[in-house]
Amino acid sequence: MKLKARMRIHRHRRFQREVERERQLFRVNERIRVPEVQVIDEQGENLGALPTAQALATARERGFDLIEVNPKAQPPICKFLDAKQFKYEQEKARRLQKAHAKKVEVKGVRLSLRIGEHDRTMRLEKAKEFFDEGNRVAVEIILRGRERAHGAMAREVIQKFVNDLRSDYQLSIDQPLSVQGGRFSLVVGGRKHGTEGKQEAEEEGEDELDSKSVVQ
């Protein structure tokens, strides 16, 4: 419990540091304490270097805030902007960047040689859910004991499962069907039809995962 508490405190402190860094990144109005700034007005025109007090007064006369957008320049560069709108745009860009940086995971779906129709349908829905979340899916069958004599059946089960996914998704085979001992698996990515390249997906659906794609 103490370890979990320390981890929560650490995450909270890290979050507070990130918030504080964001606050310090763009100083606004009276928080700009340098004596002189390079000014770009609301039309994008460079007004040159001005005393900070004069720049702030001019910005307010025109109905804008003075925002320091490049504190490392000499003198720092400031713009006439609406602070609330600027903050909104920065937050929007940050969320977009975070979304693009999301790690793609590989989620597993396990089948069996004699899987029932109900269980098979549930695994199809789970695989589709993983695709919709932007993840890839590892489809696998593990053969034990005498089941290892039925490798061809395992390939057929996986092939049919993948073909059923193709009815709703454009698939990309990230890792061809491979066999390691009694474990048969492949990794596939999926994008719903209609998002892009539906015709390409239909053409790709004609391909077979035959024994030539097996990595021994």
C-alpha atoms as a PDB file:
ATOM      1  CA  MET A   1       0.000   0.000   0.000  1.00  0.00           C
ATOM      2  CA  LYS A   2       2.836   2.368   0.847  1.00  0.00           C
ATOM      3  CA  LEU A   3       4.440   1.675  -2.539  1.00  0.00           C
ATOM      4  CA  LYS A   4       1.175   2.442  -4.349  1.00  0.00           C
ATOM      5  CA  ALA A   5       0.808   5.657  -2.349  1.00  0.00           C
ATOM      6  CA  ARG A   6       4.336   6.731  -3.264  1.00  0.00           C
ATOM      7  CA  MET A   7       3.629   5.960  -6.939  1.00  0.00           C
ATOM      8  CA  ARG A   8       0.466   8.083  -6.845  1.00  0.00           C
ATOM      9  CA  ILE A   9       2.367  10.946  -5.218  1.00  0.00           C
ATOM     10  CA  HIS A  10       5.137  10.627  -7.824  1.00  0.00           C
ATOM     11  CA  ARG A  11       2.636  10.702 -10.715  1.00  0.00           C
ATOM     12  CA  HIS A  12       0.882  13.712  -9.160  1.00  0.00           C
ATOM     13  CA  ARG A  13       4.141  15.608  -8.735  1.00  0.00           C
ATOM     14  CA  ARG A  14       5.191  14.790 -12.286  1.00  0.00           C
ATOM     15  CA  PHE A  15       1.827  16.054 -13.551  1.00  0.00           C
ATOM     16  CA  GLN A  16       2.239  19.259 -11.535  1.00  0.00           C
ATOM     17  CA  ARG A  17       5.720  19.770 -13.003  1.00  0.00           C
ATOM     18  CA  GLU A  18       4.342  19.333 -16.537  1.00  0.00           C
ATOM     19  CA  VAL A  19       1.572  21.848 -15.830  1.00  0.00           C
ATOM     20  CA  GLU A  20       4.082  24.298 -14.405  1.00  0.00           C
ATOM     21  CA  ARG A  21       6.335  23.924 -17.461  1.00  0.00           C
ATOM     22  CA  GLU A  22       3.369  24.688 -19.715  1.00  0.00           C
ATOM     23  CA  ARG A  23       2.596  27.764 -17.635  1.00  0.00           C
ATOM     24  CA  GLN A  24       6.160  28.966 -17.957  1.00  0.00           C
ATOM     25  CA  LEU A  25       6.397  28.235 -21.672  1.00  0.00           C
ATOM     26  CA  PHE A  26       4.250  31.180 -22.792  1.00  0.00           C
ATOM     27  CA  ARG A  27       4.258  34.241 -20.574  1.00  0.00           C
ATOM     28  CA  VAL A  28       1.357  36.649 -21.006  1.00  0.00           C
ATOM     29  CA  ASN A  29       0.977  40.404 -20.419  1.00  0.00           C
ATOM     30  CA  GLU A  30       2.436  41.479 -17.042  1.00  0.00           C
ATOM     31  CA  ARG A  31       4.207  38.139 -16.645  1.00  0.00           C
ATOM     32  CA  ILE A  32       6.588  39.254 -19.415  1.00  0.00           C
ATOM     33  CA  ARG A  33       9.280  40.917 -17.332  1.00  0.00           C
ATOM     34  CA  VAL A  34      12.010  41.629 -19.869  1.00  0.00           C
ATOM     35  CA  PRO A  35      12.484  45.343 -20.672  1.00  0.00           C
ATOM     36  CA  GLU A  36      12.172  44.987 -24.455  1.00  0.00           C
ATOM     37  CA  VAL A  37      10.440  42.615 -26.873  1.00  0.00           C
ATOM     38  CA  GLN A  38      10.230  42.022 -30.606  1.00  0.00           C
ATOM     39  CA  VAL A  39       6.588  42.554 -31.573  1.00  0.00           C
ATOM     40  CA  ILE A  40       4.408  40.949 -34.251  1.00  0.00           C
ATOM     41  CA  ASP A  41       0.911  42.376 -34.376  1.00  0.00           C
ATOM     42  CA  GLU A  42      -2.451  40.672 -34.986  1.00  0.00           C
ATOM     43  CA  GLN A  43      -1.990  41.007 -38.771  1.00  0.00           C
ATOM     44  CA  GLY A  44       1.418  39.338 -38.704  1.00  0.00           C
ATOM     45  CA  GLU A  45       3.263  42.608 -39.248  1.00  0.00           C
ATOM     46  CA  ASN A  46       6.618  42.997 -37.565  1.00  0.00           C
ATOM     47  CA  LEU A  47       6.570  46.162 -35.439  1.00  0.00           C
ATOM     48  CA  GLY A  48      10.206  45.751 -34.444  1.00  0.00           C
ATOM     49  CA  ALA A  49      11.691  45.999 -30.964  1.00  0.00           C
ATOM     50  CA  LEU A  50       9.564  47.923 -28.470  1.00  0.00           C
ATOM     51  CA  PRO A  51       9.699  48.547 -24.733  1.00  0.00           C
ATOM     52  CA  THR A  52       7.570  45.849 -23.123  1.00  0.00           C
ATOM     53  CA  ALA A  53       5.266  48.387 -21.451  1.00  0.00           C
ATOM     54  CA  GLN A  54       4.577  50.065 -24.808  1.00  0.00           C
ATOM     55  CA  ALA A  55       3.994  46.740 -26.533  1.00  0.00           C
ATOM     56  CA  LEU A  56       1.528  45.695 -23.832  1.00  0.00           C
ATOM     57  CA  ALA A  57      -0.314  49.018 -24.015  1.00  0.00           C
ATOM     58  CA  THR A  58      -0.583  48.779 -27.812  1.00  0.00           C
ATOM     59  CA  ALA A  59      -1.869  45.210 -27.624  1.00  0.00           C
ATOM     60  CA  ARG A  60      -4.594  46.231 -25.157  1.00  0.00           C
ATOM     61  CA  GLU A  61      -5.582  49.250 -27.231  1.00  0.00           C
ATOM     62  CA  ARG A  62      -6.261  46.841 -30.109  1.00  0.00           C
ATOM     63  CA  GLY A  63      -8.152  44.372 -27.893  1.00  0.00           C
ATOM     64  CA  PHE A  64      -5.471  41.703 -27.666  1.00  0.00           C
ATOM     65  CA  ASP A  65      -3.086  40.167 -25.165  1.00  0.00           C
ATOM     66  CA  LEU A  66       0.689  40.275 -25.454  1.00  0.00           C
ATOM     67  CA  ILE A  67       1.993  36.706 -25.575  1.00  0.00           C
ATOM     68  CA  GLU A  68       5.655  35.730 -25.506  1.00  0.00           C
ATOM     69  CA  VAL A  69       5.961  33.012 -28.156  1.00  0.00           C
ATOM     70  CA  ASN A  70       9.751  32.757 -28.366  1.00  0.00           C
ATOM     71  CA  PRO A  71      11.451  33.577 -25.049  1.00  0.00           C
ATOM     72  CA  LYS A  72      14.892  32.464 -26.285  1.00  0.00           C
ATOM     73  CA  ALA A  73      15.125  35.081 -29.028  1.00  0.00           C
ATOM     74  CA  GLN A  74      17.039  38.315 -28.402  1.00  0.00           C
ATOM     75  CA  PRO A  75      14.892  40.193 -27.603  1.00  0.00           C
ATOM     76  CA  PRO A  76      12.058  37.715 -26.954  1.00  0.00           C
ATOM     77  CA  ILE A  77       9.372  37.587 -29.651  1.00  0.00           C
ATOM     78  CA  CYS A  78       5.820  38.485 -28.666  1.00  0.00           C
ATOM     79  CA  LYS A  79       2.561  38.485 -30.590  1.00  0.00           C
ATOM     80  CA  PHE A  80      -0.773  40.251 -30.283  1.00  0.00           C
ATOM     81  CA  LEU A  81      -3.187  37.382 -29.707  1.00  0.00           C
ATOM     82  CA  ASP A  82      -6.284  36.424 -27.759  1.00  0.00           C
ATOM     83  CA  ALA A  83      -4.916  34.551 -24.746  1.00  0.00           C
ATOM     84  CA  LYS A  84      -7.936  32.246 -24.346  1.00  0.00           C
ATOM     85  CA  GLN A  85      -7.966  31.318 -28.030  1.00  0.00           C
ATOM     86  CA  PHE A  86      -4.198  30.824 -28.012  1.00  0.00           C
ATOM     87  CA  LYS A  87      -4.411  28.532 -24.979  1.00  0.00           C
ATOM     88  CA  TYR A  88      -7.191  26.548 -26.655  1.00  0.00           C
ATOM     89  CA  GLU A  89      -5.152  26.085 -29.834  1.00  0.00           C
ATOM     90  CA  GLN A  90      -2.104  25.004 -27.841  1.00  0.00           C
ATOM     91  CA  GLU A  91      -4.139  22.456 -25.884  1.00  0.00           C
ATOM     92  CA  LYS A  92      -5.716  21.165 -29.088  1.00  0.00           C
ATOM     93  CA  ALA A  93      -2.290  20.724 -30.676  1.00  0.00           C
ATOM     94  CA  ARG A  94      -1.004  18.982 -27.550  1.00  0.00           C
ATOM     95  CA  ARG A  95      -3.911  16.514 -27.520  1.00  0.00           C
ATOM     96  CA  LEU A  96      -3.426  15.819 -31.229  1.00  0.00           C
ATOM     97  CA  GLN A  97       0.272  15.192 -30.724  1.00  0.00           C
ATOM     98  CA  LYS A  98      -0.480  12.877 -27.798  1.00  0.00           C
ATOM     99  CA  ALA A  99      -3.004  10.954 -29.890  1.00  0.00           C
ATOM    100  CA  HIS A 100      -0.499  10.501 -32.711  1.00  0.00           C
ATOM    101  CA  ALA A 101       2.103   9.304 -30.242  1.00  0.00           C
ATOM    102  CA  LYS A 102      -0.183   6.587 -28.881  1.00  0.00           C
ATOM    103  CA  LYS A 103       1.609   3.264 -28.750  1.00  0.00           C
ATOM    104  CA  VAL A 104       0.092   0.568 -30.946  1.00  0.00           C
ATOM    105  CA  GLU A 105      -0.304  -2.666 -29.024  1.00  0.00           C
ATOM    106  CA  VAL A 106      -0.636  -6.253 -30.174  1.00  0.00           C
ATOM    107  CA  LYS A 107      -3.665  -7.917 -28.577  1.00  0.00           C
ATOM    108  CA  GLY A 108      -4.079 -11.667 -28.511  1.00  0.00           C
ATOM    109  CA  VAL A 109      -7.054 -13.758 -29.651  1.00  0.00           C
ATOM    110  CA  ARG A 110      -6.726 -17.499 -28.999  1.00  0.00           C
ATOM    111  CA  LEU A 111      -8.656 -20.087 -30.993  1.00  0.00           C
ATOM    112  CA  SER A 112      -8.831 -23.885 -30.781  1.00  0.00           C
ATOM    113  CA  LEU A 113      -9.307 -26.701 -33.267  1.00  0.00           C
ATOM    114  CA  ARG A 114     -12.881 -27.379 -32.187  1.00  0.00           C
ATOM    115  CA  ILE A 115     -13.942 -23.937 -31.038  1.00  0.00           C
ATOM    116  CA  GLY A 116     -17.702 -23.554 -30.686  1.00  0.00           C
ATOM    117  CA  GLU A 117     -19.623 -21.063 -32.816  1.00  0.00           C
ATOM    118  CA  HIS A 118     -20.561 -18.909 -29.810  1.00  0.00           C
ATOM    119  CA  ASP A 119     -16.953 -18.631 -28.600  1.00  0.00           C
ATOM    120  CA  ARG A 120     -15.749 -18.013 -32.137  1.00  0.00           C
ATOM    121  CA  THR A 121     -18.229 -15.157 -32.604  1.00  0.00           C
ATOM    122  CA  MET A 122     -17.124 -13.614 -29.312  1.00  0.00           C
ATOM    123  CA  ARG A 123     -13.490 -13.732 -30.415  1.00  0.00           C
ATOM    124  CA  LEU A 124     -14.368 -12.155 -33.756  1.00  0.00           C
ATOM    125  CA  GLU A 125     -16.076  -9.292 -31.953  1.00  0.00           C
ATOM    126  CA  LYS A 126     -13.114  -8.903 -29.606  1.00  0.00           C
ATOM    127  CA  ALA A 127     -10.695  -8.762 -32.551  1.00  0.00           C
ATOM    128  CA  LYS A 128     -12.860  -6.079 -34.199  1.00  0.00           C
ATOM    129  CA  GLU A 129     -12.866  -4.141 -30.949  1.00  0.00           C
ATOM    130  CA  PHE A 130      -9.056  -4.267 -30.871  1.00  0.00           C
ATOM    131  CA  PHE A 131      -8.922  -2.999 -34.482  1.00  0.00           C
ATOM    132  CA  ASP A 132     -11.275  -0.125 -33.658  1.00  0.00           C
ATOM    133  CA  GLU A 133      -8.954   0.881 -30.811  1.00  0.00           C
ATOM    134  CA  GLY A 134      -6.081   1.103 -33.298  1.00  0.00           C
ATOM    135  CA  ASN A 135      -4.317  -2.055 -32.133  1.00  0.00           C
ATOM    136  CA  ARG A 136      -3.087  -5.123 -34.015  1.00  0.00           C
ATOM    137  CA  VAL A 137      -4.292  -8.636 -33.321  1.00  0.00           C
ATOM    138  CA  ALA A 138      -2.274 -11.814 -32.820  1.00  0.00           C
ATOM    139  CA  VAL A 139      -4.452 -14.793 -33.788  1.00  0.00           C
ATOM    140  CA  GLU A 140      -3.119 -18.060 -32.378  1.00  0.00           C
ATOM    141  CA  ILE A 141      -3.840 -21.719 -31.820  1.00  0.00           C
ATOM    142  CA  ILE A 142      -1.782 -23.885 -29.469  1.00  0.00           C
ATOM    143  CA  LEU A 143      -1.753 -27.612 -30.221  1.00  0.00           C
ATOM    144  CA  ARG A 144      -0.880 -30.025 -27.426  1.00  0.00           C
ATOM    145  CA  GLY A 145      -0.099 -33.715 -27.449  1.00  0.00           C
ATOM    146  CA  ARG A 146      -1.870 -35.592 -30.227  1.00  0.00           C
ATOM    147  CA  GLU A 147      -3.379 -32.342 -31.534  1.00  0.00           C
ATOM    148  CA  ARG A 148      -0.001 -31.595 -33.126  1.00  0.00           C
ATOM    149  CA  ALA A 149      -0.844 -34.049 -35.891  1.00  0.00           C
ATOM    150  CA  HIS A 150      -3.590 -31.667 -37.051  1.00  0.00           C
ATOM    151  CA  GLY A 151      -1.511 -28.706 -38.224  1.00  0.00           C
ATOM    152  CA  ALA A 152      -3.497 -28.415 -41.464  1.00  0.00           C
ATOM    153  CA  MET A 153      -6.712 -28.050 -39.476  1.00  0.00           C
ATOM    154  CA  ALA A 154      -5.135 -25.309 -37.346  1.00  0.00           C
ATOM    155  CA  ARG A 155      -4.224 -23.392 -40.500  1.00  0.00           C
ATOM    156  CA  GLU A 156      -7.792 -23.754 -41.783  1.00  0.00           C
ATOM    157  CA  VAL A 157      -9.286 -22.452 -38.540  1.00  0.00           C
ATOM    158  CA  ILE A 158      -7.012 -19.391 -38.599  1.00  0.00           C
ATOM    159  CA  GLN A 159      -7.638 -18.846 -42.329  1.00  0.00           C
ATOM    160  CA  LYS A 160     -11.409 -18.871 -41.859  1.00  0.00           C
ATOM    161  CA  PHE A 161     -11.170 -16.514 -38.885  1.00  0.00           C
ATOM    162  CA  VAL A 162      -9.087 -14.027 -40.903  1.00  0.00           C
ATOM    163  CA  ASN A 163     -11.431 -14.295 -43.905  1.00  0.00           C
ATOM    164  CA  ASP A 164     -14.401 -13.470 -41.677  1.00  0.00           C
ATOM    165  CA  LEU A 165     -12.579 -10.370 -40.429  1.00  0.00           C
ATOM    166  CA  ARG A 166     -12.002  -9.323 -44.041  1.00  0.00           C
ATOM    167  CA  SER A 167     -15.752  -8.924 -44.576  1.00  0.00           C
ATOM    168  CA  ASP A 168     -15.653  -5.772 -42.412  1.00  0.00           C
ATOM    169  CA  TYR A 169     -11.996  -4.728 -42.390  1.00  0.00           C
ATOM    170  CA  GLN A 170      -9.135  -4.018 -44.732  1.00  0.00           C
ATOM    171  CA  LEU A 171      -6.408  -6.234 -43.341  1.00  0.00           C
ATOM    172  CA  SER A 172      -2.632  -6.063 -43.415  1.00  0.00           C
ATOM    173  CA  ILE A 173      -0.592  -9.116 -42.443  1.00  0.00           C
ATOM    174  CA  ASP A 174       2.123  -7.741 -40.152  1.00  0.00           C
ATOM    175  CA  GLN A 175       3.530 -11.168 -39.333  1.00  0.00           C
ATOM    176  CA  PRO A 176       2.776 -14.145 -41.631  1.00  0.00           C
ATOM    177  CA  LEU A 177       1.441 -17.377 -40.183  1.00  0.00           C
ATOM    178  CA  SER A 178       4.266 -18.928 -38.190  1.00  0.00           C
ATOM    179  CA  VAL A 179       4.724 -22.232 -36.380  1.00  0.00           C
ATOM    180  CA  GLN A 180       6.835 -22.669 -33.259  1.00  0.00           C
ATOM    181  CA  GLY A 181       6.417 -26.084 -31.747  1.00  0.00           C
ATOM    182  CA  GLY A 182       2.663 -26.479 -31.403  1.00  0.00           C
ATOM    183  CA  ARG A 183       1.931 -22.763 -31.547  1.00  0.00           C
ATOM    184  CA  PHE A 184       0.407 -21.384 -34.759  1.00  0.00           C
ATOM    185  CA  SER A 185       0.109 -17.609 -34.919  1.00  0.00           C
ATOM    186  CA  LEU A 186      -0.044 -14.566 -37.151  1.00  0.00           C
ATOM    187  CA  VAL A 187      -0.300 -10.836 -36.467  1.00  0.00           C
ATOM    188  CA  VAL A 188      -2.751  -8.756 -38.457  1.00  0.00           C
ATOM    189  CA  GLY A 189      -3.805  -5.115 -38.533  1.00  0.00           C
ATOM    190  CA  GLY A 190      -7.253  -3.948 -39.586  1.00  0.00           C
ATOM    191  CA  ARG A 191      -8.993  -0.801 -40.814  1.00  0.00           C
ATOM    192  CA  LYS A 192     -12.727  -0.689 -41.377  1.00  0.00           C
ATOM    193  CA  HIS A 193     -13.916  -0.681 -44.983  1.00  0.00           C
ATOM    194  CA  GLY A 194     -14.879   2.759 -46.160  1.00  0.00           C
ATOM    195  CA  THR A 195     -12.104   4.550 -44.295  1.00  0.00           C
ATOM    196  CA  GLU A 196      -9.738   4.080 -47.211  1.00  0.00           C
ATOM    197  CA  GLY A 197      -8.895   1.751 -50.075  1.00  0.00           C
ATOM    198  CA  LYS A 198     -11.958  -0.535 -50.030  1.00  0.00           C
ATOM    199  CA  GLN A 199     -11.122  -1.910 -53.450  1.00  0.00           C
ATOM    200  CA  GLU A 200      -7.583  -2.738 -52.352  1.00  0.00           C
ATOM    201  CA  ALA A 201      -8.981  -4.582 -49.345  1.00  0.00           C
ATOM    202  CA  GLU A 202     -11.249  -6.682 -51.549  1.00  0.00           C
ATOM    203  CA  GLU A 203      -8.329  -7.584 -53.793  1.00  0.00           C
ATOM    204  CA  GLU A 204      -6.226  -8.440 -50.773  1.00  0.00           C
ATOM    205  CA  GLY A 205      -9.034 -10.723 -49.586  1.00  0.00           C
ATOM    206  CA  GLU A 206      -8.309 -13.072 -52.466  1.00  0.00           C
ATOM    207  CA  ASP A 207      -4.906 -13.920 -51.023  1.00  0.00           C
ATOM    208  CA  GLU A 208      -4.486 -17.162 -49.079  1.00  0.00           C
ATOM    209  CA  LEU A 209      -2.395 -17.820 -45.999  1.00  0.00           C
ATOM    210  CA  ASP A 210      -1.123 -21.091 -47.433  1.00  0.00           C
ATOM    211  CA  SER A 211       1.869 -23.112 -46.350  1.00  0.00           C
ATOM    212  CA  LYS A 212       4.214 -20.872 -48.345  1.00  0.00           C
ATOM    213  CA  SER A 213       3.710 -18.109 -45.767  1.00  0.00           C
ATOM    214  CA  VAL A 214       4.592 -20.361 -42.837  1.00  0.00           C
ATOM    215  CA  VAL A 215       7.822 -19.551 -40.998  1.00  0.00           C
ATOM    216  CA  GLN A 216       9.118 -22.787 -39.490  1.00  0.00           C
END
